[in-house]
Amino acid sequence: MSEERLHKIKRLKMRSMRRGIKEMDIILSHFASNRLEDMTLDQLSNYDLLTLENDHDLYSWVTGTAKPPQKFSYLINEILENLGTLQD
């Protein structure tokens, strides 16, 4: 794994766990821990963009109270699938 890729994954993991809403901290840090290392650079770039979105919007997308933008639909679905592996 290239140094650039490792640095990007590390940065995204930190951004995933330091959100504005505790629920999104838990959801995104769990997803990041389980999925980022298997993602392509394009997928990592898209996740990077997702993490720049407002937490209230992200929470609405994850809970299904709002439809995510098309560019994030696949990622939101992956995050939802990953929630099934979240343990208390």
PDB file of N, CA and C in Angstrom:
ATOM      1  N   MET A   1       0.844  -1.170   0.000  1.00  0.00           N
ATOM      2  CA  MET A   1       0.000   0.000   0.000  1.00  0.00           C
ATOM      3  C   MET A   1       0.893   1.237   0.000  1.00  0.00           C
ATOM      4  N   SER A   2       0.591   2.173  -0.870  1.00  0.00           N
ATOM      5  CA  SER A   2       1.439   3.358  -0.986  1.00  0.00           C
ATOM      6  C   SER A   2       1.295   4.257   0.234  1.00  0.00           C
ATOM      7  N   GLU A   3       2.309   5.051   0.464  1.00  0.00           N
ATOM      8  CA  GLU A   3       2.312   5.984   1.594  1.00  0.00           C
ATOM      9  C   GLU A   3       1.157   6.984   1.476  1.00  0.00           C
ATOM     10  N   GLU A   4       0.908   7.455   0.250  1.00  0.00           N
ATOM     11  CA  GLU A   4      -0.180   8.407   0.028  1.00  0.00           C
ATOM     12  C   GLU A   4      -1.520   7.771   0.425  1.00  0.00           C
ATOM     13  N   ARG A   5      -1.719   6.549   0.026  1.00  0.00           N
ATOM     14  CA  ARG A   5      -2.958   5.831   0.347  1.00  0.00           C
ATOM     15  C   ARG A   5      -3.094   5.633   1.859  1.00  0.00           C
ATOM     16  N   LEU A   6      -2.016   5.217   2.513  1.00  0.00           N
ATOM     17  CA  LEU A   6      -2.039   5.022   3.962  1.00  0.00           C
ATOM     18  C   LEU A   6      -2.355   6.329   4.691  1.00  0.00           C
ATOM     19  N   HIS A   7      -1.756   7.413   4.235  1.00  0.00           N
ATOM     20  CA  HIS A   7      -1.997   8.722   4.837  1.00  0.00           C
ATOM     21  C   HIS A   7      -3.463   9.131   4.663  1.00  0.00           C
ATOM     22  N   LYS A   8      -4.001   8.912   3.480  1.00  0.00           N
ATOM     23  CA  LYS A   8      -5.402   9.264   3.201  1.00  0.00           C
ATOM     24  C   LYS A   8      -6.341   8.453   4.103  1.00  0.00           C
ATOM     25  N   ILE A   9      -6.086   7.166   4.228  1.00  0.00           N
ATOM     26  CA  ILE A   9      -6.924   6.314   5.075  1.00  0.00           C
ATOM     27  C   ILE A   9      -6.850   6.769   6.534  1.00  0.00           C
ATOM     28  N   LYS A  10      -5.672   7.070   7.002  1.00  0.00           N
ATOM     29  CA  LYS A  10      -5.506   7.531   8.380  1.00  0.00           C
ATOM     30  C   LYS A  10      -6.266   8.844   8.602  1.00  0.00           C
ATOM     31  N   ARG A  11      -6.158   9.759   7.666  1.00  0.00           N
ATOM     32  CA  ARG A  11      -6.842  11.047   7.771  1.00  0.00           C
ATOM     33  C   ARG A  11      -8.357  10.846   7.768  1.00  0.00           C
ATOM     34  N   LEU A  12      -8.839   9.976   6.895  1.00  0.00           N
ATOM     35  CA  LEU A  12     -10.277   9.723   6.818  1.00  0.00           C
ATOM     36  C   LEU A  12     -10.807   9.019   8.071  1.00  0.00           C
ATOM     37  N   LYS A  13     -10.018   8.145   8.653  1.00  0.00           N
ATOM     38  CA  LYS A  13     -10.432   7.504   9.897  1.00  0.00           C
ATOM     39  C   LYS A  13     -10.565   8.536  11.010  1.00  0.00           C
ATOM     40  N   MET A  14      -9.625   9.469  11.076  1.00  0.00           N
ATOM     41  CA  MET A  14      -9.702  10.527  12.090  1.00  0.00           C
ATOM     42  C   MET A  14     -10.916  11.419  11.850  1.00  0.00           C
ATOM     43  N   ARG A  15     -11.144  11.791  10.607  1.00  0.00           N
ATOM     44  CA  ARG A  15     -12.289  12.636  10.278  1.00  0.00           C
ATOM     45  C   ARG A  15     -13.605  11.911  10.565  1.00  0.00           C
ATOM     46  N   SER A  16     -13.608  10.599  10.417  1.00  0.00           N
ATOM     47  CA  SER A  16     -14.811   9.806  10.658  1.00  0.00           C
ATOM     48  C   SER A  16     -15.184   9.750  12.132  1.00  0.00           C
ATOM     49  N   MET A  17     -14.190   9.793  13.003  1.00  0.00           N
ATOM     50  CA  MET A  17     -14.496   9.666  14.433  1.00  0.00           C
ATOM     51  C   MET A  17     -14.608  11.004  15.154  1.00  0.00           C
ATOM     52  N   ARG A  18     -14.308  12.083  14.476  1.00  0.00           N
ATOM     53  CA  ARG A  18     -14.403  13.407  15.100  1.00  0.00           C
ATOM     54  C   ARG A  18     -15.417  14.250  14.366  1.00  0.00           C
ATOM     55  N   ARG A  19     -16.662  13.897  14.558  1.00  0.00           N
ATOM     56  CA  ARG A  19     -17.772  14.554  13.892  1.00  0.00           C
ATOM     57  C   ARG A  19     -18.416  15.549  14.847  1.00  0.00           C
ATOM     58  N   GLY A  20     -19.524  16.131  14.447  1.00  0.00           N
ATOM     59  CA  GLY A  20     -20.240  17.054  15.312  1.00  0.00           C
ATOM     60  C   GLY A  20     -21.334  16.371  16.104  1.00  0.00           C
ATOM     61  N   ILE A  21     -21.807  15.240  15.608  1.00  0.00           N
ATOM     62  CA  ILE A  21     -22.879  14.492  16.260  1.00  0.00           C
ATOM     63  C   ILE A  21     -22.323  13.134  16.683  1.00  0.00           C
ATOM     64  N   LYS A  22     -22.520  12.788  17.943  1.00  0.00           N
ATOM     65  CA  LYS A  22     -21.969  11.541  18.482  1.00  0.00           C
ATOM     66  C   LYS A  22     -22.410  10.315  17.683  1.00  0.00           C
ATOM     67  N   GLU A  23     -23.679  10.300  17.247  1.00  0.00           N
ATOM     68  CA  GLU A  23     -24.174   9.171  16.461  1.00  0.00           C
ATOM     69  C   GLU A  23     -23.369   8.996  15.180  1.00  0.00           C
ATOM     70  N   MET A  24     -23.020  10.107  14.537  1.00  0.00           N
ATOM     71  CA  MET A  24     -22.233  10.016  13.304  1.00  0.00           C
ATOM     72  C   MET A  24     -20.790   9.624  13.608  1.00  0.00           C
ATOM     73  N   ASP A  25     -20.270  10.022  14.768  1.00  0.00           N
ATOM     74  CA  ASP A  25     -18.944   9.550  15.202  1.00  0.00           C
ATOM     75  C   ASP A  25     -18.931   8.023  15.215  1.00  0.00           C
ATOM     76  N   ILE A  26     -19.930   7.455  15.833  1.00  0.00           N
ATOM     77  CA  ILE A  26     -20.002   5.997  15.998  1.00  0.00           C
ATOM     78  C   ILE A  26     -20.202   5.304  14.651  1.00  0.00           C
ATOM     79  N   ILE A  27     -21.163   5.787  13.884  1.00  0.00           N
ATOM     80  CA  ILE A  27     -21.497   5.156  12.600  1.00  0.00           C
ATOM     81  C   ILE A  27     -20.326   5.227  11.626  1.00  0.00           C
ATOM     82  N   LEU A  28     -19.769   6.430  11.448  1.00  0.00           N
ATOM     83  CA  LEU A  28     -18.699   6.585  10.452  1.00  0.00           C
ATOM     84  C   LEU A  28     -17.371   5.989  10.910  1.00  0.00           C
ATOM     85  N   SER A  29     -17.060   6.062  12.199  1.00  0.00           N
ATOM     86  CA  SER A  29     -15.793   5.462  12.640  1.00  0.00           C
ATOM     87  C   SER A  29     -15.846   3.942  12.512  1.00  0.00           C
ATOM     88  N   HIS A  30     -17.012   3.358  12.781  1.00  0.00           N
ATOM     89  CA  HIS A  30     -17.169   1.910  12.601  1.00  0.00           C
ATOM     90  C   HIS A  30     -17.016   1.538  11.122  1.00  0.00           C
ATOM     91  N   PHE A  31     -17.674   2.301  10.261  1.00  0.00           N
ATOM     92  CA  PHE A  31     -17.565   2.056   8.826  1.00  0.00           C
ATOM     93  C   PHE A  31     -16.114   2.198   8.364  1.00  0.00           C
ATOM     94  N   ALA A  32     -15.471   3.277   8.786  1.00  0.00           N
ATOM     95  CA  ALA A  32     -14.087   3.531   8.371  1.00  0.00           C
ATOM     96  C   ALA A  32     -13.155   2.403   8.804  1.00  0.00           C
ATOM     97  N   SER A  33     -13.328   1.939  10.009  1.00  0.00           N
ATOM     98  CA  SER A  33     -12.480   0.851  10.512  1.00  0.00           C
ATOM     99  C   SER A  33     -12.654  -0.435   9.708  1.00  0.00           C
ATOM    100  N   ASN A  34     -13.879  -0.674   9.266  1.00  0.00           N
ATOM    101  CA  ASN A  34     -14.173  -1.923   8.555  1.00  0.00           C
ATOM    102  C   ASN A  34     -13.946  -1.871   7.051  1.00  0.00           C
ATOM    103  N   ARG A  35     -14.063  -0.696   6.441  1.00  0.00           N
ATOM    104  CA  ARG A  35     -14.134  -0.657   4.981  1.00  0.00           C
ATOM    105  C   ARG A  35     -13.046   0.134   4.259  1.00  0.00           C
ATOM    106  N   LEU A  36     -12.469   1.140   4.866  1.00  0.00           N
ATOM    107  CA  LEU A  36     -11.578   2.034   4.113  1.00  0.00           C
ATOM    108  C   LEU A  36     -10.395   1.330   3.471  1.00  0.00           C
ATOM    109  N   GLU A  37      -9.805   0.403   4.154  1.00  0.00           N
ATOM    110  CA  GLU A  37      -8.611  -0.251   3.617  1.00  0.00           C
ATOM    111  C   GLU A  37      -8.895  -1.093   2.377  1.00  0.00           C
ATOM    112  N   ASP A  38     -10.149  -1.473   2.175  1.00  0.00           N
ATOM    113  CA  ASP A  38     -10.524  -2.257   1.005  1.00  0.00           C
ATOM    114  C   ASP A  38     -11.001  -1.401  -0.165  1.00  0.00           C
ATOM    115  N   MET A  39     -11.110  -0.105   0.046  1.00  0.00           N
ATOM    116  CA  MET A  39     -11.632   0.784  -0.998  1.00  0.00           C
ATOM    117  C   MET A  39     -10.565   1.169  -2.011  1.00  0.00           C
ATOM    118  N   THR A  40     -11.030   1.435  -3.237  1.00  0.00           N
ATOM    119  CA  THR A  40     -10.137   1.951  -4.273  1.00  0.00           C
ATOM    120  C   THR A  40      -9.869   3.437  -3.986  1.00  0.00           C
ATOM    121  N   LEU A  41      -8.914   4.007  -4.690  1.00  0.00           N
ATOM    122  CA  LEU A  41      -8.633   5.432  -4.503  1.00  0.00           C
ATOM    123  C   LEU A  41      -9.830   6.295  -4.876  1.00  0.00           C
ATOM    124  N   ASP A  42     -10.552   5.912  -5.910  1.00  0.00           N
ATOM    125  CA  ASP A  42     -11.755   6.652  -6.292  1.00  0.00           C
ATOM    126  C   ASP A  42     -12.812   6.579  -5.198  1.00  0.00           C
ATOM    127  N   GLN A  43     -12.989   5.410  -4.625  1.00  0.00           N
ATOM    128  CA  GLN A  43     -13.963   5.252  -3.546  1.00  0.00           C
ATOM    129  C   GLN A  43     -13.538   6.057  -2.314  1.00  0.00           C
ATOM    130  N   LEU A  44     -12.242   6.055  -2.021  1.00  0.00           N
ATOM    131  CA  LEU A  44     -11.742   6.853  -0.904  1.00  0.00           C
ATOM    132  C   LEU A  44     -11.977   8.341  -1.139  1.00  0.00           C
ATOM    133  N   SER A  45     -11.790   8.774  -2.361  1.00  0.00           N
ATOM    134  CA  SER A  45     -12.024  10.181  -2.691  1.00  0.00           C
ATOM    135  C   SER A  45     -13.496  10.553  -2.514  1.00  0.00           C
ATOM    136  N   ASN A  46     -14.377   9.655  -2.905  1.00  0.00           N
ATOM    137  CA  ASN A  46     -15.811   9.906  -2.736  1.00  0.00           C
ATOM    138  C   ASN A  46     -16.175   9.928  -1.244  1.00  0.00           C
ATOM    139  N   TYR A  47     -15.589   9.026  -0.467  1.00  0.00           N
ATOM    140  CA  TYR A  47     -15.826   9.022   0.981  1.00  0.00           C
ATOM    141  C   TYR A  47     -15.289  10.311   1.601  1.00  0.00           C
ATOM    142  N   ASP A  48     -14.150  10.756   1.107  1.00  0.00           N
ATOM    143  CA  ASP A  48     -13.566  12.019   1.556  1.00  0.00           C
ATOM    144  C   ASP A  48     -14.578  13.155   1.370  1.00  0.00           C
ATOM    145  N   LEU A  49     -15.203  13.209   0.212  1.00  0.00           N
ATOM    146  CA  LEU A  49     -16.220  14.233  -0.053  1.00  0.00           C
ATOM    147  C   LEU A  49     -17.424  14.073   0.880  1.00  0.00           C
ATOM    148  N   LEU A  50     -17.824  12.834   1.115  1.00  0.00           N
ATOM    149  CA  LEU A  50     -18.946  12.576   2.009  1.00  0.00           C
ATOM    150  C   LEU A  50     -18.662  13.116   3.412  1.00  0.00           C
ATOM    151  N   THR A  51     -17.441  12.942   3.889  1.00  0.00           N
ATOM    152  CA  THR A  51     -17.105  13.376   5.252  1.00  0.00           C
ATOM    153  C   THR A  51     -17.081  14.897   5.387  1.00  0.00           C
ATOM    154  N   LEU A  52     -17.102  15.598   4.270  1.00  0.00           N
ATOM    155  CA  LEU A  52     -17.153  17.059   4.312  1.00  0.00           C
ATOM    156  C   LEU A  52     -18.586  17.582   4.430  1.00  0.00           C
ATOM    157  N   GLU A  53     -19.543  16.681   4.281  1.00  0.00           N
ATOM    158  CA  GLU A  53     -20.954  17.070   4.369  1.00  0.00           C
ATOM    159  C   GLU A  53     -21.351  17.332   5.825  1.00  0.00           C
ATOM    160  N   ASN A  54     -22.402  18.104   5.984  1.00  0.00           N
ATOM    161  CA  ASN A  54     -22.948  18.438   7.290  1.00  0.00           C
ATOM    162  C   ASN A  54     -23.445  17.181   7.998  1.00  0.00           C
ATOM    163  N   ASP A  55     -23.153  17.057   9.278  1.00  0.00           N
ATOM    164  CA  ASP A  55     -23.569  15.878  10.043  1.00  0.00           C
ATOM    165  C   ASP A  55     -25.081  15.689  10.079  1.00  0.00           C
ATOM    166  N   HIS A  56     -25.816  16.763  10.152  1.00  0.00           N
ATOM    167  CA  HIS A  56     -27.282  16.643  10.179  1.00  0.00           C
ATOM    168  C   HIS A  56     -27.794  16.052   8.862  1.00  0.00           C
ATOM    169  N   ASP A  57     -27.186  16.451   7.750  1.00  0.00           N
ATOM    170  CA  ASP A  57     -27.557  15.870   6.453  1.00  0.00           C
ATOM    171  C   ASP A  57     -27.182  14.393   6.410  1.00  0.00           C
ATOM    172  N   LEU A  58     -25.959  14.086   6.835  1.00  0.00           N
ATOM    173  CA  LEU A  58     -25.513  12.688   6.854  1.00  0.00           C
ATOM    174  C   LEU A  58     -26.439  11.826   7.704  1.00  0.00           C
ATOM    175  N   TYR A  59     -26.804  12.321   8.851  1.00  0.00           N
ATOM    176  CA  TYR A  59     -27.683  11.558   9.745  1.00  0.00           C
ATOM    177  C   TYR A  59     -29.048  11.337   9.090  1.00  0.00           C
ATOM    178  N   SER A  60     -29.553  12.346   8.418  1.00  0.00           N
ATOM    179  CA  SER A  60     -30.832  12.218   7.707  1.00  0.00           C
ATOM    180  C   SER A  60     -30.748  11.163   6.613  1.00  0.00           C
ATOM    181  N   TRP A  61     -29.631  11.121   5.911  1.00  0.00           N
ATOM    182  CA  TRP A  61     -29.459  10.134   4.844  1.00  0.00           C
ATOM    183  C   TRP A  61     -29.379   8.725   5.412  1.00  0.00           C
ATOM    184  N   VAL A  62     -28.621   8.577   6.500  1.00  0.00           N
ATOM    185  CA  VAL A  62     -28.420   7.261   7.099  1.00  0.00           C
ATOM    186  C   VAL A  62     -29.713   6.740   7.733  1.00  0.00           C
ATOM    187  N   THR A  63     -30.495   7.630   8.313  1.00  0.00           N
ATOM    188  CA  THR A  63     -31.738   7.207   8.961  1.00  0.00           C
ATOM    189  C   THR A  63     -32.893   7.101   7.980  1.00  0.00           C
ATOM    190  N   GLY A  64     -32.681   7.540   6.749  1.00  0.00           N
ATOM    191  CA  GLY A  64     -33.712   7.429   5.727  1.00  0.00           C
ATOM    192  C   GLY A  64     -34.761   8.527   5.756  1.00  0.00           C
ATOM    193  N   THR A  65     -34.534   9.579   6.534  1.00  0.00           N
ATOM    194  CA  THR A  65     -35.499  10.682   6.565  1.00  0.00           C
ATOM    195  C   THR A  65     -35.294  11.649   5.402  1.00  0.00           C
ATOM    196  N   ALA A  66     -34.183  11.513   4.710  1.00  0.00           N
ATOM    197  CA  ALA A  66     -33.917  12.303   3.501  1.00  0.00           C
ATOM    198  C   ALA A  66     -33.147  11.423   2.527  1.00  0.00           C
ATOM    199  N   LYS A  67     -33.347  11.689   1.263  1.00  0.00           N
ATOM    200  CA  LYS A  67     -32.660  10.931   0.216  1.00  0.00           C
ATOM    201  C   LYS A  67     -31.275  11.552  -0.016  1.00  0.00           C
ATOM    202  N   PRO A  68     -30.226  10.720  -0.030  1.00  0.00           N
ATOM    203  CA  PRO A  68     -28.881  11.267  -0.269  1.00  0.00           C
ATOM    204  C   PRO A  68     -28.714  11.678  -1.728  1.00  0.00           C
ATOM    205  N   PRO A  69     -27.799  12.591  -1.993  1.00  0.00           N
ATOM    206  CA  PRO A  69     -27.480  12.916  -3.385  1.00  0.00           C
ATOM    207  C   PRO A  69     -26.998  11.649  -4.104  1.00  0.00           C
ATOM    208  N   GLN A  70     -27.256  11.576  -5.386  1.00  0.00           N
ATOM    209  CA  GLN A  70     -26.906  10.397  -6.178  1.00  0.00           C
ATOM    210  C   GLN A  70     -25.437   9.997  -6.005  1.00  0.00           C
ATOM    211  N   LYS A  71     -24.539  10.987  -5.946  1.00  0.00           N
ATOM    212  CA  LYS A  71     -23.110  10.670  -5.845  1.00  0.00           C
ATOM    213  C   LYS A  71     -22.745   9.950  -4.548  1.00  0.00           C
ATOM    214  N   PHE A  72     -23.634  10.024  -3.525  1.00  0.00           N
ATOM    215  CA  PHE A  72     -23.363   9.369  -2.251  1.00  0.00           C
ATOM    216  C   PHE A  72     -24.267   8.166  -1.985  1.00  0.00           C
ATOM    217  N   SER A  73     -25.208   7.881  -2.865  1.00  0.00           N
ATOM    218  CA  SER A  73     -26.166   6.798  -2.628  1.00  0.00           C
ATOM    219  C   SER A  73     -25.483   5.459  -2.351  1.00  0.00           C
ATOM    220  N   TYR A  74     -24.498   5.112  -3.165  1.00  0.00           N
ATOM    221  CA  TYR A  74     -23.804   3.840  -2.994  1.00  0.00           C
ATOM    222  C   TYR A  74     -23.108   3.780  -1.626  1.00  0.00           C
ATOM    223  N   LEU A  75     -22.438   4.859  -1.267  1.00  0.00           N
ATOM    224  CA  LEU A  75     -21.734   4.895   0.016  1.00  0.00           C
ATOM    225  C   LEU A  75     -22.705   4.805   1.193  1.00  0.00           C
ATOM    226  N   ILE A  76     -23.802   5.519   1.119  1.00  0.00           N
ATOM    227  CA  ILE A  76     -24.794   5.470   2.196  1.00  0.00           C
ATOM    228  C   ILE A  76     -25.330   4.046   2.331  1.00  0.00           C
ATOM    229  N   ASN A  77     -25.575   3.384   1.217  1.00  0.00           N
ATOM    230  CA  ASN A  77     -26.019   1.980   1.274  1.00  0.00           C
ATOM    231  C   ASN A  77     -24.968   1.085   1.923  1.00  0.00           C
ATOM    232  N   GLU A  78     -23.708   1.315   1.610  1.00  0.00           N
ATOM    233  CA  GLU A  78     -22.629   0.535   2.233  1.00  0.00           C
ATOM    234  C   GLU A  78     -22.556   0.806   3.730  1.00  0.00           C
ATOM    235  N   ILE A  79     -22.724   2.064   4.101  1.00  0.00           N
ATOM    236  CA  ILE A  79     -22.699   2.425   5.522  1.00  0.00           C
ATOM    237  C   ILE A  79     -23.849   1.726   6.248  1.00  0.00           C
ATOM    238  N   LEU A  80     -25.020   1.711   5.631  1.00  0.00           N
ATOM    239  CA  LEU A  80     -26.176   1.042   6.231  1.00  0.00           C
ATOM    240  C   LEU A  80     -25.939  -0.463   6.370  1.00  0.00           C
ATOM    241  N   GLU A  81     -25.355  -1.081   5.357  1.00  0.00           N
ATOM    242  CA  GLU A  81     -25.033  -2.511   5.435  1.00  0.00           C
ATOM    243  C   GLU A  81     -24.035  -2.770   6.559  1.00  0.00           C
ATOM    244  N   ASN A  82     -23.081  -1.872   6.718  1.00  0.00           N
ATOM    245  CA  ASN A  82     -22.056  -2.012   7.737  1.00  0.00           C
ATOM    246  C   ASN A  82     -22.638  -1.852   9.141  1.00  0.00           C
ATOM    247  N   LEU A  83     -23.727  -1.117   9.270  1.00  0.00           N
ATOM    248  CA  LEU A  83     -24.357  -0.935  10.584  1.00  0.00           C
ATOM    249  C   LEU A  83     -24.800  -2.259  11.184  1.00  0.00           C
ATOM    250  N   GLY A  84     -25.090  -3.213  10.320  1.00  0.00           N
ATOM    251  CA  GLY A  84     -25.490  -4.537  10.809  1.00  0.00           C
ATOM    252  C   GLY A  84     -24.405  -5.228  11.599  1.00  0.00           C
ATOM    253  N   THR A  85     -23.164  -4.811  11.408  1.00  0.00           N
ATOM    254  CA  THR A  85     -22.045  -5.424  12.132  1.00  0.00           C
ATOM    255  C   THR A  85     -21.691  -4.640  13.395  1.00  0.00           C
ATOM    256  N   LEU A  86     -22.379  -3.527  13.624  1.00  0.00           N
ATOM    257  CA  LEU A  86     -22.123  -2.698  14.801  1.00  0.00           C
ATOM    258  C   LEU A  86     -22.679  -3.381  16.044  1.00  0.00           C
ATOM    259  N   GLN A  87     -21.822  -3.567  17.035  1.00  0.00           N
ATOM    260  CA  GLN A  87     -22.256  -4.188  18.283  1.00  0.00           C
ATOM    261  C   GLN A  87     -22.253  -3.145  19.387  1.00  0.00           C
ATOM    262  N   ASP A  88     -23.123  -3.336  20.339  1.00  0.00           N
ATOM    263  CA  ASP A  88     -23.226  -2.386  21.470  1.00  0.00           C
ATOM    264  C   ASP A  88     -21.972  -2.386  22.289  1.00  0.00           C
TER     265      ASP A  88
END
